[in-house]
Amino acid sequence: MQAIDTGARELFVGSSVLKLVFGQFFAPDYLDKRLADDDVSSQKSDRPEPGLREGNLSAPVDYPSKAEGSYGDRQRDDGVIVDADMARKSVFIGLPVLALAAGFLLARRR
């Protein structure tokens, strides 16, 4: 609903998304290597799948979907939601301005 309320074109939802997006800007090679090393196995649980369940790989399932799963104990009702354009502007305009200000202050001290 925040996208509707604010008119944002893109939202970053969750701190892990912020880390991934800005990590890709600042250290793409490191991030690519780390994701490749982690592989798909880091996304899978070591718990066995309970029974035979229908999936939705080739067709939708017949029962209504729900936003709950085996990790429901870790879900939260709050989270970081950031306007993507504002985040990019803050990083790519704000950081150089801070660096210039720090350089100016250091130059004045001498």
N, C-alpha and C. Protein backbone atom coordinates (compact mmCIF):
# COMPACT_ATOMS: atom_id res chain seq x y z
N MET A 1 0.81 -1.19 0.00
CA MET A 1 0.00 0.00 0.00
C MET A 1 0.86 1.26 0.00
N GLN A 2 2.09 1.16 0.47
CA GLN A 2 2.94 2.33 0.51
C GLN A 2 3.23 2.85 -0.90
N ALA A 3 3.37 1.96 -1.87
CA ALA A 3 3.61 2.39 -3.24
C ALA A 3 2.43 3.20 -3.77
N ILE A 4 1.24 2.81 -3.41
CA ILE A 4 0.04 3.54 -3.83
C ILE A 4 -0.03 4.88 -3.12
N ASP A 5 0.23 4.86 -1.82
CA ASP A 5 0.12 6.09 -1.02
C ASP A 5 1.16 7.14 -1.40
N THR A 6 2.37 6.71 -1.70
CA THR A 6 3.45 7.66 -1.96
C THR A 6 3.70 7.93 -3.44
N GLY A 7 3.20 7.06 -4.30
CA GLY A 7 3.45 7.21 -5.73
C GLY A 7 4.85 6.81 -6.14
N ALA A 8 5.53 6.06 -5.30
CA ALA A 8 6.90 5.62 -5.60
C ALA A 8 6.89 4.65 -6.78
N ARG A 9 7.86 4.81 -7.66
CA ARG A 9 7.97 3.91 -8.81
C ARG A 9 8.53 2.55 -8.41
N GLU A 10 9.40 2.54 -7.40
CA GLU A 10 10.06 1.31 -6.98
C GLU A 10 10.33 1.40 -5.49
N LEU A 11 10.10 0.31 -4.78
CA LEU A 11 10.37 0.26 -3.35
C LEU A 11 11.35 -0.88 -3.07
N PHE A 12 12.29 -0.62 -2.18
CA PHE A 12 13.15 -1.67 -1.67
C PHE A 12 12.51 -2.15 -0.37
N VAL A 13 12.20 -3.43 -0.29
CA VAL A 13 11.53 -3.98 0.89
C VAL A 13 12.48 -4.94 1.59
N GLY A 14 12.89 -4.59 2.79
CA GLY A 14 13.75 -5.43 3.60
C GLY A 14 15.20 -4.98 3.57
N SER A 15 15.86 -5.15 4.70
CA SER A 15 17.26 -4.72 4.79
C SER A 15 18.16 -5.58 3.90
N SER A 16 17.79 -6.84 3.67
CA SER A 16 18.62 -7.68 2.80
C SER A 16 18.61 -7.17 1.37
N VAL A 17 17.49 -6.58 0.93
CA VAL A 17 17.42 -6.02 -0.41
C VAL A 17 18.33 -4.79 -0.52
N LEU A 18 18.32 -3.95 0.52
CA LEU A 18 19.21 -2.79 0.51
C LEU A 18 20.67 -3.21 0.45
N LYS A 19 21.03 -4.22 1.22
CA LYS A 19 22.40 -4.71 1.21
C LYS A 19 22.77 -5.25 -0.18
N LEU A 20 21.86 -5.99 -0.79
CA LEU A 20 22.13 -6.58 -2.09
C LEU A 20 22.26 -5.51 -3.17
N VAL A 21 21.34 -4.56 -3.20
CA VAL A 21 21.36 -3.52 -4.24
C VAL A 21 22.60 -2.65 -4.12
N PHE A 22 22.88 -2.14 -2.92
CA PHE A 22 24.04 -1.25 -2.78
C PHE A 22 25.35 -2.02 -2.78
N GLY A 23 25.32 -3.26 -2.36
CA GLY A 23 26.51 -4.10 -2.48
C GLY A 23 26.87 -4.32 -3.94
N GLN A 24 25.86 -4.45 -4.79
CA GLN A 24 26.09 -4.63 -6.22
C GLN A 24 26.69 -3.37 -6.85
N PHE A 25 26.36 -2.20 -6.31
CA PHE A 25 26.96 -0.95 -6.79
C PHE A 25 28.42 -0.83 -6.38
N PHE A 26 28.72 -1.14 -5.12
CA PHE A 26 30.04 -0.85 -4.57
C PHE A 26 31.04 -2.00 -4.72
N ALA A 27 30.58 -3.24 -4.68
CA ALA A 27 31.50 -4.38 -4.77
C ALA A 27 30.85 -5.52 -5.57
N PRO A 28 30.60 -5.30 -6.86
CA PRO A 28 29.88 -6.31 -7.63
C PRO A 28 30.62 -7.64 -7.76
N ASP A 29 31.92 -7.61 -7.95
CA ASP A 29 32.67 -8.86 -8.10
C ASP A 29 32.62 -9.70 -6.84
N TYR A 30 32.82 -9.05 -5.69
CA TYR A 30 32.77 -9.76 -4.41
C TYR A 30 31.38 -10.36 -4.20
N LEU A 31 30.35 -9.58 -4.45
CA LEU A 31 28.99 -10.05 -4.22
C LEU A 31 28.64 -11.20 -5.16
N ASP A 32 29.03 -11.10 -6.43
CA ASP A 32 28.77 -12.18 -7.37
C ASP A 32 29.45 -13.47 -6.94
N LYS A 33 30.70 -13.35 -6.50
CA LYS A 33 31.44 -14.54 -6.05
C LYS A 33 30.79 -15.14 -4.81
N ARG A 34 30.39 -14.29 -3.89
CA ARG A 34 29.77 -14.79 -2.66
C ARG A 34 28.44 -15.49 -2.95
N LEU A 35 27.63 -14.91 -3.81
CA LEU A 35 26.36 -15.54 -4.17
C LEU A 35 26.59 -16.85 -4.92
N ALA A 36 27.60 -16.89 -5.77
CA ALA A 36 27.91 -18.13 -6.49
C ALA A 36 28.41 -19.21 -5.55
N ASP A 37 29.21 -18.81 -4.56
CA ASP A 37 29.73 -19.78 -3.60
C ASP A 37 28.63 -20.32 -2.69
N ASP A 38 27.68 -19.45 -2.33
CA ASP A 38 26.59 -19.89 -1.45
C ASP A 38 25.67 -20.89 -2.14
N ASP A 39 25.50 -20.72 -3.45
CA ASP A 39 24.74 -21.68 -4.24
C ASP A 39 23.28 -21.75 -3.79
N VAL A 40 22.55 -22.60 -4.40
CA VAL A 40 21.14 -22.79 -4.09
C VAL A 40 20.98 -23.50 -2.75
N SER A 41 21.97 -24.24 -2.33
CA SER A 41 21.86 -25.01 -1.10
C SER A 41 21.62 -24.12 0.12
N SER A 42 22.07 -22.87 0.06
CA SER A 42 21.84 -21.98 1.20
C SER A 42 20.40 -21.51 1.27
N GLN A 43 19.64 -21.72 0.20
CA GLN A 43 18.24 -21.31 0.18
C GLN A 43 17.31 -22.45 0.58
N LYS A 44 17.85 -23.63 0.72
CA LYS A 44 17.01 -24.78 1.04
C LYS A 44 17.14 -25.13 2.51
N SER A 45 16.09 -25.67 3.04
CA SER A 45 16.08 -26.10 4.43
C SER A 45 16.58 -27.54 4.52
N ASP A 46 17.13 -27.89 5.66
CA ASP A 46 17.54 -29.27 5.85
C ASP A 46 16.40 -30.13 6.39
N ARG A 47 15.24 -29.50 6.58
CA ARG A 47 14.06 -30.25 7.03
C ARG A 47 13.41 -30.96 5.85
N PRO A 48 12.94 -32.18 6.05
CA PRO A 48 12.29 -32.89 4.95
C PRO A 48 10.94 -32.25 4.60
N GLU A 49 10.57 -32.35 3.34
CA GLU A 49 9.28 -31.83 2.87
C GLU A 49 8.16 -32.70 3.43
N PRO A 50 7.14 -32.10 4.05
CA PRO A 50 6.07 -32.91 4.65
C PRO A 50 5.12 -33.46 3.59
N GLY A 51 5.21 -34.74 3.31
CA GLY A 51 4.29 -35.39 2.39
C GLY A 51 4.45 -34.94 0.96
N LEU A 52 3.53 -35.34 0.15
CA LEU A 52 3.54 -34.95 -1.25
C LEU A 52 2.65 -33.75 -1.43
N ARG A 53 3.25 -32.63 -1.73
CA ARG A 53 2.48 -31.41 -1.93
C ARG A 53 2.51 -31.03 -3.39
N GLU A 54 1.42 -30.43 -3.83
CA GLU A 54 1.42 -29.91 -5.18
C GLU A 54 2.28 -28.65 -5.22
N GLY A 55 2.93 -28.45 -6.31
CA GLY A 55 3.70 -27.23 -6.48
C GLY A 55 3.06 -26.36 -7.54
N ASN A 56 3.68 -25.28 -7.85
CA ASN A 56 3.14 -24.41 -8.88
C ASN A 56 4.18 -24.16 -9.97
N LEU A 57 4.99 -25.16 -10.27
CA LEU A 57 6.01 -24.98 -11.29
C LEU A 57 5.42 -25.01 -12.70
N SER A 58 4.47 -25.90 -12.94
CA SER A 58 3.92 -26.01 -14.29
C SER A 58 2.48 -25.50 -14.38
N ALA A 59 1.79 -25.42 -13.26
CA ALA A 59 0.40 -24.94 -13.27
C ALA A 59 0.06 -24.46 -11.87
N PRO A 60 -0.90 -23.54 -11.75
CA PRO A 60 -1.28 -23.08 -10.41
C PRO A 60 -1.93 -24.20 -9.61
N VAL A 61 -1.80 -24.11 -8.30
CA VAL A 61 -2.44 -25.10 -7.43
C VAL A 61 -3.92 -24.77 -7.29
N ASP A 62 -4.71 -25.76 -6.90
CA ASP A 62 -6.15 -25.58 -6.81
C ASP A 62 -6.61 -24.86 -5.55
N TYR A 63 -5.84 -24.92 -4.49
CA TYR A 63 -6.25 -24.32 -3.22
C TYR A 63 -5.75 -22.89 -3.14
N PRO A 64 -6.36 -22.06 -2.28
CA PRO A 64 -5.91 -20.67 -2.17
C PRO A 64 -4.50 -20.59 -1.57
N SER A 65 -3.74 -19.66 -2.08
CA SER A 65 -2.38 -19.48 -1.57
C SER A 65 -2.40 -18.69 -0.27
N LYS A 66 -1.32 -18.78 0.47
CA LYS A 66 -1.20 -18.02 1.71
C LYS A 66 0.24 -17.57 1.87
N ALA A 67 0.42 -16.54 2.63
CA ALA A 67 1.75 -15.97 2.84
C ALA A 67 2.34 -16.47 4.14
N GLU A 68 2.27 -17.74 4.36
CA GLU A 68 2.85 -18.36 5.55
C GLU A 68 3.62 -19.58 5.10
N GLY A 69 4.52 -20.00 5.92
CA GLY A 69 5.29 -21.18 5.56
C GLY A 69 6.00 -21.73 6.77
N SER A 70 7.00 -22.54 6.52
CA SER A 70 7.71 -23.18 7.62
C SER A 70 8.60 -22.20 8.38
N TYR A 71 8.76 -20.99 7.87
CA TYR A 71 9.56 -19.99 8.56
C TYR A 71 8.70 -18.91 9.20
N GLY A 72 7.45 -19.22 9.47
CA GLY A 72 6.52 -18.26 10.04
C GLY A 72 6.93 -17.74 11.39
N ASP A 73 7.72 -18.49 12.13
CA ASP A 73 8.17 -18.03 13.45
C ASP A 73 9.16 -16.89 13.33
N ARG A 74 9.74 -16.69 12.15
CA ARG A 74 10.70 -15.61 11.95
C ARG A 74 10.09 -14.39 11.27
N GLN A 75 8.82 -14.48 10.89
CA GLN A 75 8.21 -13.34 10.20
C GLN A 75 7.91 -12.21 11.17
N ARG A 76 7.90 -11.00 10.61
CA ARG A 76 7.63 -9.81 11.41
C ARG A 76 6.60 -8.96 10.70
N ASP A 77 5.89 -8.15 11.46
CA ASP A 77 4.90 -7.27 10.88
C ASP A 77 5.48 -5.94 10.42
N ASP A 78 6.72 -5.67 10.78
CA ASP A 78 7.35 -4.43 10.37
C ASP A 78 8.60 -4.76 9.55
N GLY A 79 9.09 -3.80 8.86
CA GLY A 79 10.29 -4.02 8.07
C GLY A 79 10.73 -2.71 7.45
N VAL A 80 11.87 -2.76 6.83
CA VAL A 80 12.43 -1.58 6.18
C VAL A 80 11.82 -1.48 4.78
N ILE A 81 11.17 -0.36 4.50
CA ILE A 81 10.64 -0.08 3.17
C ILE A 81 11.16 1.29 2.77
N VAL A 82 11.92 1.33 1.68
CA VAL A 82 12.58 2.56 1.27
C VAL A 82 12.24 2.85 -0.19
N ASP A 83 11.94 4.10 -0.48
CA ASP A 83 11.75 4.54 -1.86
C ASP A 83 13.10 4.39 -2.57
N ALA A 84 13.14 3.60 -3.62
CA ALA A 84 14.40 3.28 -4.28
C ALA A 84 15.07 4.51 -4.87
N ASP A 85 14.30 5.38 -5.50
CA ASP A 85 14.89 6.60 -6.08
C ASP A 85 15.52 7.47 -5.00
N MET A 86 14.83 7.61 -3.88
CA MET A 86 15.35 8.43 -2.79
C MET A 86 16.62 7.79 -2.19
N ALA A 87 16.64 6.47 -2.08
CA ALA A 87 17.82 5.80 -1.54
C ALA A 87 19.02 6.00 -2.45
N ARG A 88 18.81 5.86 -3.75
CA ARG A 88 19.92 6.07 -4.70
C ARG A 88 20.43 7.50 -4.65
N LYS A 89 19.52 8.46 -4.62
CA LYS A 89 19.93 9.86 -4.56
C LYS A 89 20.69 10.15 -3.27
N SER A 90 20.22 9.59 -2.17
CA SER A 90 20.88 9.80 -0.88
C SER A 90 22.31 9.29 -0.91
N VAL A 91 22.50 8.12 -1.49
CA VAL A 91 23.84 7.53 -1.52
C VAL A 91 24.74 8.23 -2.51
N PHE A 92 24.25 8.47 -3.71
CA PHE A 92 25.13 8.98 -4.76
C PHE A 92 25.24 10.50 -4.80
N ILE A 93 24.42 11.20 -4.06
CA ILE A 93 24.58 12.64 -3.91
C ILE A 93 25.08 12.95 -2.50
N GLY A 94 24.51 12.26 -1.51
CA GLY A 94 24.85 12.53 -0.12
C GLY A 94 26.28 12.18 0.23
N LEU A 95 26.77 11.03 -0.22
CA LEU A 95 28.14 10.63 0.12
C LEU A 95 29.20 11.57 -0.48
N PRO A 96 29.08 11.96 -1.75
CA PRO A 96 30.08 12.93 -2.25
C PRO A 96 30.01 14.27 -1.53
N VAL A 97 28.82 14.73 -1.18
CA VAL A 97 28.70 15.99 -0.45
C VAL A 97 29.37 15.87 0.92
N LEU A 98 29.15 14.76 1.60
CA LEU A 98 29.81 14.54 2.90
C LEU A 98 31.33 14.50 2.75
N ALA A 99 31.82 13.85 1.69
CA ALA A 99 33.25 13.78 1.46
C ALA A 99 33.84 15.17 1.19
N LEU A 100 33.13 15.98 0.40
CA LEU A 100 33.60 17.34 0.14
C LEU A 100 33.61 18.18 1.42
N ALA A 101 32.57 18.03 2.22
CA ALA A 101 32.51 18.79 3.47
C ALA A 101 33.63 18.37 4.41
N ALA A 102 33.89 17.07 4.49
CA ALA A 102 34.97 16.59 5.36
C ALA A 102 36.33 17.11 4.85
N GLY A 103 36.52 17.09 3.53
CA GLY A 103 37.76 17.61 2.97
C GLY A 103 37.93 19.10 3.24
N PHE A 104 36.83 19.86 3.12
CA PHE A 104 36.88 21.29 3.39
C PHE A 104 37.24 21.55 4.85
N LEU A 105 36.61 20.80 5.77
CA LEU A 105 36.91 20.98 7.19
C LEU A 105 38.35 20.61 7.53
N LEU A 106 38.84 19.54 6.92
CA LEU A 106 40.22 19.14 7.17
C LEU A 106 41.20 20.17 6.61
N ALA A 107 40.88 20.76 5.47
CA ALA A 107 41.74 21.78 4.87
C ALA A 107 41.78 23.04 5.72
N ARG A 108 40.67 23.37 6.34
CA ARG A 108 40.60 24.57 7.18
C ARG A 108 41.40 24.42 8.46
N ARG A 109 41.55 23.18 8.93
CA ARG A 109 42.29 22.94 10.17
C ARG A 109 43.77 23.22 10.00
N ARG A 110 44.28 23.16 8.81
CA ARG A 110 45.72 23.30 8.58
C ARG A 110 46.14 24.73 8.53
